[in-house]
PDB file of all heavy atoms in Angstrom:
ATOM      1  N   VAL A   1     -16.607  -5.865   3.204  1.00  0.00           N
ATOM      2  CA  VAL A   1     -16.139  -4.489   2.855  1.00  0.00           C
ATOM      3  C   VAL A   1     -14.834  -4.068   3.458  1.00  0.00           C
ATOM      4  O   VAL A   1     -14.012  -3.342   2.821  1.00  0.00           O
ATOM      5  CB  VAL A   1     -17.356  -3.602   3.190  1.00  0.00           C
ATOM      6  CG1 VAL A   1     -16.863  -2.038   2.948  1.00  0.00           C
ATOM      7  CG2 VAL A   1     -18.620  -3.810   2.427  1.00  0.00           C
ATOM      8  N   CYS A   2     -14.650  -4.519   4.748  1.00  0.00           N
ATOM      9  CA  CYS A   2     -13.441  -4.115   5.423  1.00  0.00           C
ATOM     10  C   CYS A   2     -12.152  -4.771   4.681  1.00  0.00           C
ATOM     11  O   CYS A   2     -11.100  -4.050   4.533  1.00  0.00           O
ATOM     12  CB  CYS A   2     -13.402  -4.683   6.817  1.00  0.00           C
ATOM     13  SG  CYS A   2     -14.712  -4.103   7.944  1.00  0.00           S
ATOM     14  N   PHE A   3     -12.285  -6.005   4.202  1.00  0.00           N
ATOM     15  CA  PHE A   3     -11.172  -6.585   3.511  1.00  0.00           C
ATOM     16  C   PHE A   3     -11.061  -5.973   2.185  1.00  0.00           C
ATOM     17  O   PHE A   3      -9.912  -5.899   1.630  1.00  0.00           O
ATOM     18  CB  PHE A   3     -11.441  -8.039   3.386  1.00  0.00           C
ATOM     19  CG  PHE A   3     -11.631  -8.820   4.674  1.00  0.00           C
ATOM     20  CD1 PHE A   3     -12.476  -9.855   5.021  1.00  0.00           C
ATOM     21  CD2 PHE A   3     -10.802  -8.404   5.802  1.00  0.00           C
ATOM     22  CE1 PHE A   3     -12.556 -10.526   6.037  1.00  0.00           C
ATOM     23  CE2 PHE A   3     -11.031  -8.992   7.068  1.00  0.00           C
ATOM     24  CZ  PHE A   3     -11.918 -10.080   7.265  1.00  0.00           C
ATOM     25  N   ALA A   4     -12.016  -5.564   1.625  1.00  0.00           N
ATOM     26  CA  ALA A   4     -11.992  -4.924   0.156  1.00  0.00           C
ATOM     27  C   ALA A   4     -11.310  -3.507   0.372  1.00  0.00           C
ATOM     28  O   ALA A   4     -10.484  -3.230  -0.470  1.00  0.00           O
ATOM     29  CB  ALA A   4     -13.469  -4.705  -0.366  1.00  0.00           C
ATOM     30  N   ILE A   5     -11.528  -2.778   1.403  1.00  0.00           N
ATOM     31  CA  ILE A   5     -10.804  -1.626   1.647  1.00  0.00           C
ATOM     32  C   ILE A   5      -9.313  -1.817   1.717  1.00  0.00           C
ATOM     33  O   ILE A   5      -8.459  -1.105   1.096  1.00  0.00           O
ATOM     34  CB  ILE A   5     -11.320  -0.824   2.880  1.00  0.00           C
ATOM     35  CG1 ILE A   5     -12.782  -0.434   2.700  1.00  0.00           C
ATOM     36  CG2 ILE A   5     -10.378   0.316   3.228  1.00  0.00           C
ATOM     37  CD1 ILE A   5     -13.384   0.263   3.881  1.00  0.00           C
ATOM     38  N   ALA A   6      -8.990  -2.951   2.466  1.00  0.00           N
ATOM     39  CA  ALA A   6      -7.512  -3.272   2.590  1.00  0.00           C
ATOM     40  C   ALA A   6      -6.948  -3.655   1.258  1.00  0.00           C
ATOM     41  O   ALA A   6      -5.790  -3.180   0.875  1.00  0.00           O
ATOM     42  CB  ALA A   6      -7.233  -4.460   3.496  1.00  0.00           C
ATOM     43  N   GLY A   7      -7.672  -4.336   0.329  1.00  0.00           N
ATOM     44  CA  GLY A   7      -7.257  -4.652  -0.999  1.00  0.00           C
ATOM     45  C   GLY A   7      -7.049  -3.404  -1.932  1.00  0.00           C
ATOM     46  O   GLY A   7      -6.153  -3.194  -2.625  1.00  0.00           O
ATOM     47  N   GLY A   8      -8.146  -2.516  -1.790  1.00  0.00           N
ATOM     48  CA  GLY A   8      -8.127  -1.368  -2.671  1.00  0.00           C
ATOM     49  C   GLY A   8      -7.020  -0.407  -2.142  1.00  0.00           C
ATOM     50  O   GLY A   8      -6.300   0.167  -3.084  1.00  0.00           O
ATOM     51  N   ALA A   9      -6.906  -0.262  -0.914  1.00  0.00           N
ATOM     52  CA  ALA A   9      -5.798   0.671  -0.332  1.00  0.00           C
ATOM     53  C   ALA A   9      -4.404   0.207  -0.767  1.00  0.00           C
ATOM     54  O   ALA A   9      -3.539   0.983  -1.082  1.00  0.00           O
ATOM     55  CB  ALA A   9      -5.912   0.849   1.201  1.00  0.00           C
ATOM     56  N   SER A  10      -4.257  -1.111  -0.789  1.00  0.00           N
ATOM     57  CA  SER A  10      -2.927  -1.735  -1.083  1.00  0.00           C
ATOM     58  C   SER A  10      -2.506  -1.422  -2.528  1.00  0.00           C
ATOM     59  O   SER A  10      -1.554  -1.001  -2.837  1.00  0.00           O
ATOM     60  CB  SER A  10      -2.986  -3.329  -0.865  1.00  0.00           C
ATOM     61  OG  SER A  10      -1.736  -3.753  -1.369  1.00  0.00           O
ATOM     62  N   VAL A  11      -3.523  -1.378  -3.403  1.00  0.00           N
ATOM     63  CA  VAL A  11      -3.300  -1.235  -4.856  1.00  0.00           C
ATOM     64  C   VAL A  11      -3.054   0.291  -4.968  1.00  0.00           C
ATOM     65  O   VAL A  11      -2.086   0.748  -5.611  1.00  0.00           O
ATOM     66  CB  VAL A  11      -4.404  -1.489  -5.597  1.00  0.00           C
ATOM     67  CG1 VAL A  11      -4.235  -1.124  -7.201  1.00  0.00           C
ATOM     68  CG2 VAL A  11      -4.732  -3.090  -5.692  1.00  0.00           C
ATOM     69  N   LEU A  12      -3.942   1.203  -4.468  1.00  0.00           N
ATOM     70  CA  LEU A  12      -3.638   2.600  -4.532  1.00  0.00           C
ATOM     71  C   LEU A  12      -2.337   3.154  -3.906  1.00  0.00           C
ATOM     72  O   LEU A  12      -1.613   3.881  -4.457  1.00  0.00           O
ATOM     73  CB  LEU A  12      -4.858   3.387  -3.941  1.00  0.00           C
ATOM     74  CG  LEU A  12      -6.232   3.191  -4.572  1.00  0.00           C
ATOM     75  CD1 LEU A  12      -7.250   3.966  -3.836  1.00  0.00           C
ATOM     76  CD2 LEU A  12      -6.157   3.804  -6.014  1.00  0.00           C
ATOM     77  N   LEU A  13      -2.003   2.655  -2.748  1.00  0.00           N
ATOM     78  CA  LEU A  13      -0.731   3.015  -2.181  1.00  0.00           C
ATOM     79  C   LEU A  13       0.452   2.582  -3.011  1.00  0.00           C
ATOM     80  O   LEU A  13       1.400   3.211  -3.210  1.00  0.00           O
ATOM     81  CB  LEU A  13      -0.651   2.458  -0.766  1.00  0.00           C
ATOM     82  CG  LEU A  13      -1.078   3.336   0.370  1.00  0.00           C
ATOM     83  CD1 LEU A  13      -2.542   3.696   0.344  1.00  0.00           C
ATOM     84  CD2 LEU A  13      -0.797   2.864   1.767  1.00  0.00           C
ATOM     85  N   GLY A  14       0.438   1.376  -3.511  1.00  0.00           N
ATOM     86  CA  GLY A  14       1.507   0.747  -4.278  1.00  0.00           C
ATOM     87  C   GLY A  14       1.657   1.562  -5.581  1.00  0.00           C
ATOM     88  O   GLY A  14       2.773   1.839  -5.934  1.00  0.00           O
ATOM     89  N   ILE A  15       0.495   2.078  -6.160  1.00  0.00           N
ATOM     90  CA  ILE A  15       0.668   2.784  -7.386  1.00  0.00           C
ATOM     91  C   ILE A  15       1.442   4.122  -7.078  1.00  0.00           C
ATOM     92  O   ILE A  15       2.336   4.577  -7.736  1.00  0.00           O
ATOM     93  CB  ILE A  15      -0.752   3.143  -8.062  1.00  0.00           C
ATOM     94  CG1 ILE A  15      -1.175   1.886  -8.703  1.00  0.00           C
ATOM     95  CG2 ILE A  15      -0.584   4.182  -9.128  1.00  0.00           C
ATOM     96  CD1 ILE A  15      -2.611   1.979  -8.999  1.00  0.00           C
ATOM     97  N   LYS A  16       0.924   4.881  -5.892  1.00  0.00           N
ATOM     98  CA  LYS A  16       1.577   6.045  -5.465  1.00  0.00           C
ATOM     99  C   LYS A  16       3.007   5.976  -5.222  1.00  0.00           C
ATOM    100  O   LYS A  16       3.813   6.718  -5.552  1.00  0.00           O
ATOM    101  CB  LYS A  16       0.792   6.707  -4.325  1.00  0.00           C
ATOM    102  CG  LYS A  16      -0.508   7.172  -4.671  1.00  0.00           C
ATOM    103  CD  LYS A  16      -0.413   8.258  -5.747  1.00  0.00           C
ATOM    104  CE  LYS A  16      -1.919   8.840  -6.126  1.00  0.00           C
ATOM    105  NZ  LYS A  16      -1.756   9.856  -7.188  1.00  0.00           N
ATOM    106  N   ILE A  17       3.376   4.850  -4.516  1.00  0.00           N
ATOM    107  CA  ILE A  17       4.776   4.557  -4.184  1.00  0.00           C
ATOM    108  C   ILE A  17       5.579   4.201  -5.449  1.00  0.00           C
ATOM    109  O   ILE A  17       6.738   4.725  -5.660  1.00  0.00           O
ATOM    110  CB  ILE A  17       4.925   3.350  -3.220  1.00  0.00           C
ATOM    111  CG1 ILE A  17       4.286   3.829  -1.868  1.00  0.00           C
ATOM    112  CG2 ILE A  17       6.398   3.102  -2.958  1.00  0.00           C
ATOM    113  CD1 ILE A  17       4.016   2.603  -0.894  1.00  0.00           C
ATOM    114  N   GLY A  18       4.999   3.495  -6.402  1.00  0.00           N
ATOM    115  CA  GLY A  18       5.766   3.248  -7.591  1.00  0.00           C
ATOM    116  C   GLY A  18       5.958   4.506  -8.497  1.00  0.00           C
ATOM    117  O   GLY A  18       6.990   4.707  -9.210  1.00  0.00           O
ATOM    118  N   GLU A  19       5.046   5.446  -8.369  1.00  0.00           N
ATOM    119  CA  GLU A  19       5.094   6.880  -9.004  1.00  0.00           C
ATOM    120  C   GLU A  19       6.173   7.849  -8.284  1.00  0.00           C
ATOM    121  O   GLU A  19       6.530   8.754  -8.740  1.00  0.00           O
ATOM    122  CB  GLU A  19       3.751   7.534  -9.212  1.00  0.00           C
ATOM    123  CG  GLU A  19       2.780   6.736 -10.044  1.00  0.00           C
ATOM    124  CD  GLU A  19       1.416   7.470  -9.995  1.00  0.00           C
ATOM    125  OE1 GLU A  19       1.078   8.183  -9.029  1.00  0.00           O
ATOM    126  OE2 GLU A  19       0.668   7.153 -10.965  1.00  0.00           O
ATOM    127  N   GLY A  20       6.592   7.302  -6.984  1.00  0.00           N
ATOM    128  CA  GLY A  20       7.448   8.151  -6.257  1.00  0.00           C
ATOM    129  C   GLY A  20       6.749   9.179  -5.421  1.00  0.00           C
ATOM    130  O   GLY A  20       7.409  10.224  -4.927  1.00  0.00           O
ATOM    131  N   ARG A  21       5.487   9.206  -5.249  1.00  0.00           N
ATOM    132  CA  ARG A  21       4.665  10.192  -4.495  1.00  0.00           C
ATOM    133  C   ARG A  21       4.493   9.655  -3.052  1.00  0.00           C
ATOM    134  O   ARG A  21       3.394   9.301  -2.697  1.00  0.00           O
ATOM    135  CB  ARG A  21       3.384  10.498  -5.204  1.00  0.00           C
ATOM    136  CG  ARG A  21       3.519  11.007  -6.570  1.00  0.00           C
ATOM    137  CD  ARG A  21       2.155  11.322  -7.302  1.00  0.00           C
ATOM    138  NE  ARG A  21       2.414  11.782  -8.760  1.00  0.00           N
ATOM    139  CZ  ARG A  21       1.393  12.103  -9.445  1.00  0.00           C
ATOM    140  NH1 ARG A  21       0.115  12.036  -9.084  1.00  0.00           N
ATOM    141  NH2 ARG A  21       1.588  12.527 -10.622  1.00  0.00           N
ATOM    142  N   MET A  22       5.542   9.782  -2.243  1.00  0.00           N
ATOM    143  CA  MET A  22       5.442   9.426  -0.973  1.00  0.00           C
ATOM    144  C   MET A  22       4.429  10.096   0.015  1.00  0.00           C
ATOM    145  O   MET A  22       3.836   9.446   0.852  1.00  0.00           O
ATOM    146  CB  MET A  22       6.897   9.345  -0.333  1.00  0.00           C
ATOM    147  CG  MET A  22       7.837   8.350  -1.021  1.00  0.00           C
ATOM    148  SD  MET A  22       7.258   6.760  -1.208  1.00  0.00           S
ATOM    149  CE  MET A  22       8.644   5.872  -2.081  1.00  0.00           C
ATOM    150  N   GLU A  23       4.434  11.460  -0.109  1.00  0.00           N
ATOM    151  CA  GLU A  23       3.578  12.160   0.759  1.00  0.00           C
ATOM    152  C   GLU A  23       2.078  11.813   0.447  1.00  0.00           C
ATOM    153  O   GLU A  23       1.422  11.678   1.334  1.00  0.00           O
ATOM    154  CB  GLU A  23       3.807  13.650   0.524  1.00  0.00           C
ATOM    155  CG  GLU A  23       5.161  14.161   1.169  1.00  0.00           C
ATOM    156  CD  GLU A  23       5.343  13.844   2.623  1.00  0.00           C
ATOM    157  OE1 GLU A  23       4.253  14.037   3.416  1.00  0.00           O
ATOM    158  OE2 GLU A  23       6.372  13.341   3.068  1.00  0.00           O
ATOM    159  N   GLU A  24       1.780  11.590  -0.677  1.00  0.00           N
ATOM    160  CA  GLU A  24       0.427  11.186  -1.075  1.00  0.00           C
ATOM    161  C   GLU A  24       0.080   9.904  -0.507  1.00  0.00           C
ATOM    162  O   GLU A  24      -1.065   9.669  -0.079  1.00  0.00           O
ATOM    163  CB  GLU A  24       0.123  11.277  -2.628  1.00  0.00           C
ATOM    164  CG  GLU A  24       0.065  12.697  -3.225  1.00  0.00           C
ATOM    165  CD  GLU A  24      -0.447  12.704  -4.539  1.00  0.00           C
ATOM    166  OE1 GLU A  24      -1.414  11.945  -4.926  1.00  0.00           O
ATOM    167  OE2 GLU A  24       0.303  13.308  -5.441  1.00  0.00           O
ATOM    168  N   ALA A  25       1.108   8.865  -0.569  1.00  0.00           N
ATOM    169  CA  ALA A  25       0.951   7.532  -0.081  1.00  0.00           C
ATOM    170  C   ALA A  25       0.642   7.589   1.542  1.00  0.00           C
ATOM    171  O   ALA A  25      -0.229   6.945   1.845  1.00  0.00           O
ATOM    172  CB  ALA A  25       2.243   6.867  -0.355  1.00  0.00           C
ATOM    173  N   LYS A  26       1.365   8.548   2.099  1.00  0.00           N
ATOM    174  CA  LYS A  26       1.143   8.624   3.620  1.00  0.00           C
ATOM    175  C   LYS A  26      -0.252   9.085   3.910  1.00  0.00           C
ATOM    176  O   LYS A  26      -0.985   8.648   4.820  1.00  0.00           O
ATOM    177  CB  LYS A  26       2.169   9.624   4.213  1.00  0.00           C
ATOM    178  CG  LYS A  26       3.510   8.953   4.436  1.00  0.00           C
ATOM    179  CD  LYS A  26       4.469   9.729   5.206  1.00  0.00           C
ATOM    180  CE  LYS A  26       5.070  10.839   4.429  1.00  0.00           C
ATOM    181  NZ  LYS A  26       6.106  11.677   5.114  1.00  0.00           N
ATOM    182  N   LYS A  27      -0.825  10.059   3.142  1.00  0.00           N
ATOM    183  CA  LYS A  27      -2.241  10.602   3.293  1.00  0.00           C
ATOM    184  C   LYS A  27      -3.151   9.558   2.968  1.00  0.00           C
ATOM    185  O   LYS A  27      -4.198   9.338   3.728  1.00  0.00           O
ATOM    186  CB  LYS A  27      -2.378  11.807   2.349  1.00  0.00           C
ATOM    187  CG  LYS A  27      -1.642  13.053   2.837  1.00  0.00           C
ATOM    188  CD  LYS A  27      -2.055  14.128   1.792  1.00  0.00           C
ATOM    189  CE  LYS A  27      -1.141  15.512   2.261  1.00  0.00           C
ATOM    190  NZ  LYS A  27      -1.565  16.627   1.242  1.00  0.00           N
ATOM    191  N   TYR A  28      -2.938   8.751   1.908  1.00  0.00           N
ATOM    192  CA  TYR A  28      -3.840   7.738   1.512  1.00  0.00           C
ATOM    193  C   TYR A  28      -3.933   6.594   2.675  1.00  0.00           C
ATOM    194  O   TYR A  28      -4.920   6.109   2.956  1.00  0.00           O
ATOM    195  CB  TYR A  28      -3.333   7.086   0.221  1.00  0.00           C
ATOM    196  CG  TYR A  28      -3.791   7.772  -1.017  1.00  0.00           C
ATOM    197  CD1 TYR A  28      -4.202   9.156  -0.916  1.00  0.00           C
ATOM    198  CD2 TYR A  28      -3.766   7.145  -2.255  1.00  0.00           C
ATOM    199  CE1 TYR A  28      -4.589   9.871  -2.004  1.00  0.00           C
ATOM    200  CE2 TYR A  28      -4.266   7.879  -3.420  1.00  0.00           C
ATOM    201  CZ  TYR A  28      -4.551   9.053  -3.255  1.00  0.00           C
ATOM    202  OH  TYR A  28      -4.888   9.779  -4.433  1.00  0.00           O
ATOM    203  N   ALA A  29      -2.883   6.336   3.324  1.00  0.00           N
ATOM    204  CA  ALA A  29      -2.787   5.374   4.391  1.00  0.00           C
ATOM    205  C   ALA A  29      -3.640   5.907   5.624  1.00  0.00           C
ATOM    206  O   ALA A  29      -4.452   5.080   6.209  1.00  0.00           O
ATOM    207  CB  ALA A  29      -1.414   5.162   4.847  1.00  0.00           C
ATOM    208  N   THR A  30      -3.553   7.178   5.965  1.00  0.00           N
ATOM    209  CA  THR A  30      -4.333   7.784   6.998  1.00  0.00           C
ATOM    210  C   THR A  30      -5.828   7.679   6.672  1.00  0.00           C
ATOM    211  O   THR A  30      -6.605   7.227   7.501  1.00  0.00           O
ATOM    212  CB  THR A  30      -3.920   9.263   7.249  1.00  0.00           C
ATOM    213  OG1 THR A  30      -2.410   9.319   7.671  1.00  0.00           O
ATOM    214  CG2 THR A  30      -4.801   9.810   8.300  1.00  0.00           C
TER     215      THR A  30
END
């Protein structure tokens, strides 16, 4: 589950960064 969270977070953050939503990406990382 820990490794799955890393994989899922990577995809979600990547999508937000690709969309140009940097502030949302920072919140998602936290």
